[in-house]
């Protein structure tokens, strides 16, 4: 009995409630590229993000949406492609293919027609953007 209690306590370390995400990683990732307006929670690209490929812009907007959800400024993290078009001002003809590419790479998932970046992909996305910065691209 004592051994099984010990094992359960040790195993508890690997469980998560999906809210476990380091806010410093999100801030580090987003800061060079994007800002969130404190007045209306709108998200916009800054100089570092303007010339990125559409699929990377979409990742940034979806991560900013995650930030808004973490800070309880929006009801849900997920966002539909049409709402992404409206919020990002990106062309519909580029948003849908961009989301498809991100889905194929496993960087985003769709739930009930709304897209999110799963928490477990944030580190992989940080690696993608760190490589971009280190190569000066």
N, C-alpha and C. Protein backbone atom coordinates (compact mmCIF):
# COMPACT_ATOMS: atom_id res chain seq x y z
N UNK A 1 0.82 -1.20 0.00
CA UNK A 1 0.00 0.00 0.00
C UNK A 1 0.86 1.25 0.00
N UNK A 2 1.88 1.29 0.84
CA UNK A 2 2.77 2.46 0.92
C UNK A 2 3.48 2.65 -0.42
N UNK A 3 3.92 1.56 -1.03
CA UNK A 3 4.60 1.65 -2.32
C UNK A 3 3.67 2.23 -3.38
N UNK A 4 2.41 1.79 -3.42
CA UNK A 4 1.49 2.30 -4.43
C UNK A 4 1.19 3.78 -4.21
N UNK A 5 1.12 4.24 -2.95
CA UNK A 5 0.92 5.67 -2.68
C UNK A 5 2.13 6.47 -3.15
N UNK A 6 3.33 5.93 -2.91
CA UNK A 6 4.54 6.61 -3.36
C UNK A 6 4.55 6.73 -4.88
N UNK A 7 4.20 5.65 -5.56
CA UNK A 7 4.18 5.68 -7.02
C UNK A 7 3.16 6.67 -7.55
N UNK A 8 2.00 6.74 -6.92
CA UNK A 8 0.98 7.67 -7.36
C UNK A 8 1.45 9.11 -7.18
N UNK A 9 2.10 9.41 -6.05
CA UNK A 9 2.60 10.76 -5.83
C UNK A 9 3.67 11.11 -6.87
N UNK A 10 4.55 10.17 -7.17
CA UNK A 10 5.60 10.41 -8.16
C UNK A 10 5.00 10.61 -9.54
N UNK A 11 3.98 9.84 -9.86
CA UNK A 11 3.35 9.94 -11.18
C UNK A 11 2.52 11.20 -11.35
N UNK A 12 2.07 11.79 -10.25
CA UNK A 12 1.28 13.01 -10.32
C UNK A 12 2.03 14.14 -11.02
N UNK A 13 3.35 14.08 -11.00
CA UNK A 13 4.16 15.13 -11.61
C UNK A 13 3.97 15.24 -13.12
N UNK A 14 3.52 14.16 -13.76
CA UNK A 14 3.42 14.19 -15.22
C UNK A 14 2.03 14.54 -15.72
N UNK A 15 1.09 14.77 -14.82
CA UNK A 15 -0.26 15.12 -15.21
C UNK A 15 -0.38 16.64 -15.38
N UNK A 16 -1.24 17.04 -16.28
CA UNK A 16 -1.47 18.47 -16.52
C UNK A 16 -2.95 18.71 -16.71
N UNK A 17 -3.36 19.93 -16.54
CA UNK A 17 -4.75 20.29 -16.79
C UNK A 17 -4.87 21.10 -18.08
N UNK A 18 -3.84 21.04 -18.92
CA UNK A 18 -3.78 21.77 -20.18
C UNK A 18 -3.64 23.28 -19.98
N UNK A 19 -3.64 23.75 -18.75
CA UNK A 19 -3.44 25.17 -18.51
C UNK A 19 -1.97 25.44 -18.21
N UNK A 20 -1.21 24.36 -18.04
CA UNK A 20 0.20 24.52 -17.72
C UNK A 20 0.95 25.02 -18.94
N UNK A 21 1.21 26.29 -18.96
CA UNK A 21 2.00 26.89 -20.03
C UNK A 21 2.76 28.05 -19.42
N UNK A 22 3.99 28.17 -19.79
CA UNK A 22 4.83 29.21 -19.23
C UNK A 22 4.55 30.54 -19.94
N UNK A 23 3.97 31.52 -19.26
CA UNK A 23 3.66 32.80 -19.89
C UNK A 23 4.90 33.52 -20.41
N UNK A 24 6.06 33.27 -19.78
CA UNK A 24 7.29 33.90 -20.26
C UNK A 24 7.66 33.42 -21.66
N UNK A 25 7.39 32.16 -21.94
CA UNK A 25 7.67 31.61 -23.27
C UNK A 25 6.77 32.28 -24.30
N UNK A 26 5.49 32.43 -23.98
CA UNK A 26 4.58 33.10 -24.90
C UNK A 26 5.00 34.55 -25.14
N UNK A 27 5.36 35.25 -24.09
CA UNK A 27 5.78 36.65 -24.23
C UNK A 27 7.04 36.75 -25.08
N UNK A 28 8.00 35.88 -24.81
CA UNK A 28 9.26 35.87 -25.57
C UNK A 28 8.99 35.60 -27.05
N UNK A 29 8.09 34.70 -27.31
CA UNK A 29 7.76 34.32 -28.68
C UNK A 29 7.03 35.43 -29.43
N UNK A 30 6.09 36.07 -28.78
CA UNK A 30 5.24 37.05 -29.45
C UNK A 30 5.83 38.46 -29.51
N UNK A 31 6.62 38.84 -28.53
CA UNK A 31 7.06 40.22 -28.40
C UNK A 31 7.72 40.81 -29.65
N UNK A 32 8.56 40.08 -30.38
CA UNK A 32 9.18 40.70 -31.56
C UNK A 32 8.23 40.94 -32.73
N UNK A 33 7.02 40.38 -32.67
CA UNK A 33 6.17 40.34 -33.85
C UNK A 33 4.79 40.97 -33.70
N UNK A 34 4.24 41.00 -32.52
CA UNK A 34 2.80 41.28 -32.39
C UNK A 34 2.51 42.06 -31.11
N UNK A 35 1.43 42.81 -31.13
CA UNK A 35 0.96 43.52 -29.94
C UNK A 35 -0.55 43.32 -29.80
N UNK A 36 -1.03 43.49 -28.56
CA UNK A 36 -2.46 43.39 -28.27
C UNK A 36 -2.89 44.74 -27.70
N UNK A 37 -3.89 45.33 -28.30
CA UNK A 37 -4.41 46.63 -27.87
C UNK A 37 -5.16 46.45 -26.55
N UNK A 38 -4.77 47.20 -25.51
CA UNK A 38 -5.39 47.05 -24.20
C UNK A 38 -6.83 47.58 -24.17
N UNK A 39 -7.18 48.42 -25.11
CA UNK A 39 -8.53 49.00 -25.11
C UNK A 39 -9.59 48.04 -25.64
N UNK A 40 -9.24 47.28 -26.69
CA UNK A 40 -10.26 46.41 -27.30
C UNK A 40 -9.79 44.98 -27.55
N UNK A 41 -8.59 44.65 -27.06
CA UNK A 41 -8.01 43.31 -27.23
C UNK A 41 -7.74 42.94 -28.68
N UNK A 42 -7.74 43.92 -29.58
CA UNK A 42 -7.39 43.62 -30.97
C UNK A 42 -5.90 43.34 -31.05
N UNK A 43 -5.55 42.51 -32.01
CA UNK A 43 -4.17 42.07 -32.17
C UNK A 43 -3.64 42.60 -33.48
N UNK A 44 -2.40 43.08 -33.46
CA UNK A 44 -1.83 43.60 -34.71
C UNK A 44 -0.35 43.29 -34.77
N UNK A 45 0.13 43.10 -36.01
CA UNK A 45 1.54 42.83 -36.23
C UNK A 45 2.33 44.12 -36.13
N UNK A 46 3.54 44.01 -35.60
CA UNK A 46 4.46 45.14 -35.62
C UNK A 46 5.53 44.84 -36.68
N UNK A 47 6.50 45.71 -36.80
CA UNK A 47 7.48 45.63 -37.88
C UNK A 47 8.07 44.23 -38.06
N UNK A 48 8.42 43.55 -36.98
CA UNK A 48 9.04 42.23 -37.08
C UNK A 48 8.13 41.17 -37.67
N UNK A 49 6.81 41.37 -37.62
CA UNK A 49 5.89 40.36 -38.09
C UNK A 49 5.26 40.62 -39.45
N UNK A 50 5.43 41.82 -39.95
CA UNK A 50 4.71 42.21 -41.17
C UNK A 50 5.11 41.38 -42.39
N UNK A 51 6.37 41.06 -42.54
CA UNK A 51 6.84 40.36 -43.74
C UNK A 51 6.94 38.85 -43.59
N UNK A 52 6.38 38.32 -42.52
CA UNK A 52 6.39 36.87 -42.32
C UNK A 52 5.44 36.19 -43.30
N UNK A 53 5.67 34.92 -43.60
CA UNK A 53 4.71 34.16 -44.40
C UNK A 53 3.36 34.09 -43.67
N UNK A 54 2.30 33.95 -44.43
CA UNK A 54 0.94 33.95 -43.86
C UNK A 54 0.79 32.91 -42.77
N UNK A 55 1.29 31.70 -42.98
CA UNK A 55 1.08 30.65 -41.97
C UNK A 55 1.76 31.02 -40.65
N UNK A 56 2.88 31.73 -40.69
CA UNK A 56 3.52 32.15 -39.45
C UNK A 56 2.76 33.30 -38.80
N UNK A 57 2.20 34.19 -39.60
CA UNK A 57 1.34 35.25 -39.05
C UNK A 57 0.15 34.63 -38.34
N UNK A 58 -0.43 33.60 -38.95
CA UNK A 58 -1.58 32.93 -38.33
C UNK A 58 -1.19 32.31 -37.00
N UNK A 59 -0.01 31.69 -36.93
CA UNK A 59 0.46 31.13 -35.66
C UNK A 59 0.54 32.21 -34.59
N UNK A 60 1.08 33.36 -34.96
CA UNK A 60 1.20 34.46 -34.00
C UNK A 60 -0.16 34.94 -33.52
N UNK A 61 -1.10 35.09 -34.44
CA UNK A 61 -2.44 35.53 -34.04
C UNK A 61 -3.12 34.49 -33.15
N UNK A 62 -2.93 33.22 -33.47
CA UNK A 62 -3.52 32.17 -32.64
C UNK A 62 -2.87 32.12 -31.26
N UNK A 63 -1.57 32.36 -31.19
CA UNK A 63 -0.90 32.41 -29.89
C UNK A 63 -1.34 33.63 -29.10
N UNK A 64 -1.56 34.75 -29.78
CA UNK A 64 -2.07 35.94 -29.08
C UNK A 64 -3.46 35.66 -28.53
N UNK A 65 -4.23 34.90 -29.27
CA UNK A 65 -5.57 34.52 -28.80
C UNK A 65 -5.45 33.66 -27.53
N UNK A 66 -4.43 32.79 -27.50
CA UNK A 66 -4.18 31.97 -26.31
C UNK A 66 -3.87 32.88 -25.12
N UNK A 67 -3.08 33.92 -25.35
CA UNK A 67 -2.75 34.88 -24.29
C UNK A 67 -4.02 35.54 -23.76
N UNK A 68 -4.89 35.96 -24.68
CA UNK A 68 -6.14 36.61 -24.28
C UNK A 68 -6.99 35.66 -23.43
N UNK A 69 -7.00 34.39 -23.79
CA UNK A 69 -7.76 33.40 -23.03
C UNK A 69 -7.14 33.18 -21.65
N UNK A 70 -5.83 33.07 -21.60
CA UNK A 70 -5.14 32.88 -20.32
C UNK A 70 -5.43 34.03 -19.38
N UNK A 71 -5.45 35.24 -19.93
CA UNK A 71 -5.71 36.43 -19.12
C UNK A 71 -7.21 36.68 -18.93
N UNK A 72 -8.02 35.73 -19.42
CA UNK A 72 -9.48 35.77 -19.28
C UNK A 72 -10.10 37.03 -19.89
N UNK A 73 -9.55 37.42 -21.06
CA UNK A 73 -10.06 38.59 -21.78
C UNK A 73 -10.97 38.20 -22.94
N UNK A 74 -10.99 36.91 -23.27
CA UNK A 74 -11.93 36.36 -24.25
C UNK A 74 -12.54 35.11 -23.65
N UNK A 75 -13.72 34.77 -24.14
CA UNK A 75 -14.43 33.60 -23.59
C UNK A 75 -13.77 32.29 -23.99
N UNK A 76 -13.39 32.20 -25.26
CA UNK A 76 -12.79 30.96 -25.74
C UNK A 76 -11.55 31.23 -26.56
N UNK A 77 -10.65 30.28 -26.55
CA UNK A 77 -9.41 30.42 -27.29
C UNK A 77 -9.61 30.21 -28.79
N UNK A 78 -10.49 29.29 -29.15
CA UNK A 78 -10.68 28.94 -30.54
C UNK A 78 -11.27 30.09 -31.35
N UNK A 79 -10.87 30.13 -32.63
CA UNK A 79 -11.36 31.17 -33.53
C UNK A 79 -11.59 30.55 -34.91
N UNK A 80 -12.68 30.95 -35.53
CA UNK A 80 -13.03 30.41 -36.84
C UNK A 80 -12.17 31.06 -37.93
N UNK A 81 -12.03 30.39 -39.07
CA UNK A 81 -11.28 30.99 -40.18
C UNK A 81 -11.86 32.35 -40.60
N UNK A 82 -13.18 32.48 -40.64
CA UNK A 82 -13.78 33.75 -41.04
C UNK A 82 -13.46 34.85 -40.04
N UNK A 83 -13.48 34.54 -38.75
CA UNK A 83 -13.11 35.54 -37.74
C UNK A 83 -11.63 35.88 -37.83
N UNK A 84 -10.79 34.90 -38.18
CA UNK A 84 -9.37 35.17 -38.37
C UNK A 84 -9.16 36.13 -39.53
N UNK A 85 -9.90 35.93 -40.61
CA UNK A 85 -9.81 36.83 -41.76
C UNK A 85 -10.16 38.25 -41.33
N UNK A 86 -11.25 38.37 -40.58
CA UNK A 86 -11.71 39.68 -40.13
C UNK A 86 -10.70 40.33 -39.17
N UNK A 87 -10.22 39.57 -38.21
CA UNK A 87 -9.33 40.13 -37.19
C UNK A 87 -7.93 40.43 -37.71
N UNK A 88 -7.44 39.60 -38.62
CA UNK A 88 -6.07 39.75 -39.09
C UNK A 88 -5.97 40.65 -40.32
N UNK A 89 -7.08 40.86 -41.01
CA UNK A 89 -7.10 41.59 -42.27
C UNK A 89 -6.28 40.88 -43.35
N UNK A 90 -6.02 39.59 -43.15
CA UNK A 90 -5.37 38.79 -44.18
C UNK A 90 -6.44 38.33 -45.17
N UNK A 91 -6.04 38.05 -46.38
CA UNK A 91 -6.99 37.64 -47.40
C UNK A 91 -7.51 36.24 -47.13
N UNK A 92 -8.82 36.07 -47.34
CA UNK A 92 -9.45 34.76 -47.12
C UNK A 92 -8.74 33.68 -47.93
N UNK A 93 -8.33 34.04 -49.15
CA UNK A 93 -7.65 33.09 -50.02
C UNK A 93 -6.29 32.65 -49.52
N UNK A 94 -5.76 33.34 -48.53
CA UNK A 94 -4.48 32.91 -47.95
C UNK A 94 -4.66 32.31 -46.55
N UNK A 95 -5.72 32.70 -45.85
CA UNK A 95 -5.95 32.19 -44.50
C UNK A 95 -6.29 30.70 -44.54
N UNK A 96 -7.20 30.31 -45.40
CA UNK A 96 -7.61 28.89 -45.45
C UNK A 96 -6.45 27.97 -45.81
N UNK A 97 -5.66 28.27 -46.86
CA UNK A 97 -4.50 27.42 -47.14
C UNK A 97 -3.46 27.45 -46.01
N UNK A 98 -3.29 28.61 -45.37
CA UNK A 98 -2.35 28.72 -44.25
C UNK A 98 -2.76 27.83 -43.09
N UNK A 99 -4.05 27.84 -42.77
CA UNK A 99 -4.55 26.97 -41.69
C UNK A 99 -4.40 25.49 -42.06
N UNK A 100 -4.64 25.19 -43.32
CA UNK A 100 -4.50 23.79 -43.77
C UNK A 100 -3.05 23.33 -43.59
N UNK A 101 -2.10 24.18 -43.98
CA UNK A 101 -0.68 23.84 -43.82
C UNK A 101 -0.33 23.63 -42.35
N UNK A 102 -0.81 24.52 -41.50
CA UNK A 102 -0.52 24.40 -40.06
C UNK A 102 -1.15 23.15 -39.47
N UNK A 103 -2.34 22.81 -39.94
CA UNK A 103 -3.00 21.58 -39.49
C UNK A 103 -2.19 20.36 -39.92
N UNK A 104 -1.74 20.37 -41.17
CA UNK A 104 -0.95 19.24 -41.68
C UNK A 104 0.35 19.07 -40.91
N UNK A 105 0.94 20.17 -40.47
CA UNK A 105 2.17 20.12 -39.68
C UNK A 105 1.90 19.79 -38.22
N UNK A 106 0.63 19.74 -37.84
CA UNK A 106 0.26 19.41 -36.47
C UNK A 106 0.42 20.56 -35.49
N UNK A 107 0.61 21.78 -36.01
CA UNK A 107 0.83 22.93 -35.14
C UNK A 107 -0.46 23.55 -34.63
N UNK A 108 -1.56 23.30 -35.33
CA UNK A 108 -2.87 23.77 -34.88
C UNK A 108 -3.86 22.63 -34.99
N UNK A 109 -4.93 22.73 -34.24
CA UNK A 109 -6.03 21.78 -34.33
C UNK A 109 -7.33 22.56 -34.43
N UNK A 110 -8.29 21.92 -35.06
CA UNK A 110 -9.61 22.54 -35.18
C UNK A 110 -10.58 21.76 -34.30
N UNK A 111 -11.34 22.50 -33.50
CA UNK A 111 -12.40 21.90 -32.68
C UNK A 111 -13.67 22.67 -32.98
N UNK A 112 -14.67 21.98 -33.49
CA UNK A 112 -15.94 22.60 -33.83
C UNK A 112 -15.75 23.79 -34.77
N UNK A 113 -14.83 23.66 -35.73
CA UNK A 113 -14.61 24.70 -36.72
C UNK A 113 -13.80 25.88 -36.21
N UNK A 114 -13.25 25.78 -35.02
CA UNK A 114 -12.44 26.86 -34.45
C UNK A 114 -11.03 26.35 -34.20
N UNK A 115 -10.06 27.17 -34.54
CA UNK A 115 -8.66 26.77 -34.49
C UNK A 115 -7.97 27.25 -33.22
N UNK A 116 -7.09 26.39 -32.71
CA UNK A 116 -6.24 26.74 -31.56
C UNK A 116 -4.85 26.14 -31.78
N UNK A 117 -3.89 26.68 -31.06
CA UNK A 117 -2.57 26.07 -30.95
C UNK A 117 -2.58 25.26 -29.67
N UNK A 118 -2.41 23.94 -29.75
CA UNK A 118 -2.36 23.15 -28.52
C UNK A 118 -1.15 23.58 -27.68
N UNK A 119 -1.31 23.57 -26.37
CA UNK A 119 -0.22 23.97 -25.48
C UNK A 119 1.05 23.18 -25.74
N UNK A 120 0.91 21.90 -26.07
CA UNK A 120 2.09 21.07 -26.27
C UNK A 120 2.88 21.44 -27.52
N UNK A 121 2.35 22.33 -28.37
CA UNK A 121 3.07 22.75 -29.57
C UNK A 121 3.78 24.09 -29.40
N UNK A 122 3.58 24.76 -28.29
CA UNK A 122 4.16 26.09 -28.09
C UNK A 122 5.69 26.03 -28.14
N UNK A 123 6.29 25.04 -27.53
CA UNK A 123 7.75 24.94 -27.55
C UNK A 123 8.27 24.68 -28.96
N UNK A 124 7.57 23.88 -29.72
CA UNK A 124 7.97 23.62 -31.11
C UNK A 124 7.87 24.90 -31.93
N UNK A 125 6.83 25.67 -31.71
CA UNK A 125 6.66 26.93 -32.44
C UNK A 125 7.75 27.92 -32.03
N UNK A 126 8.09 27.95 -30.75
CA UNK A 126 9.18 28.81 -30.31
C UNK A 126 10.47 28.44 -31.03
N UNK A 127 10.71 27.15 -31.19
CA UNK A 127 11.91 26.68 -31.89
C UNK A 127 11.90 27.16 -33.34
N UNK A 128 10.76 27.11 -34.00
CA UNK A 128 10.63 27.58 -35.39
C UNK A 128 11.00 29.05 -35.49
N UNK A 129 10.45 29.87 -34.59
CA UNK A 129 10.73 31.30 -34.63
C UNK A 129 12.14 31.63 -34.16
N UNK A 130 12.70 30.85 -33.25
CA UNK A 130 14.09 31.07 -32.85
C UNK A 130 15.04 30.78 -34.02
N UNK A 131 14.76 29.74 -34.79
CA UNK A 131 15.56 29.45 -35.98
C UNK A 131 15.46 30.59 -36.99
N UNK A 132 14.27 31.13 -37.13
CA UNK A 132 14.05 32.24 -38.06
C UNK A 132 14.92 33.44 -37.63
N UNK A 133 14.89 33.74 -36.35
CA UNK A 133 15.66 34.90 -35.85
C UNK A 133 17.17 34.65 -35.97
N UNK A 134 17.61 33.43 -35.67
CA UNK A 134 19.04 33.14 -35.71
C UNK A 134 19.59 33.15 -37.13
N UNK A 135 18.73 32.89 -38.10
CA UNK A 135 19.15 32.92 -39.51
C UNK A 135 18.89 34.28 -40.14
N UNK A 136 18.36 35.20 -39.37
CA UNK A 136 18.11 36.55 -39.88
C UNK A 136 17.04 36.61 -40.94
N UNK A 137 16.19 35.59 -40.99
CA UNK A 137 15.13 35.57 -42.01
C UNK A 137 13.90 36.28 -41.51
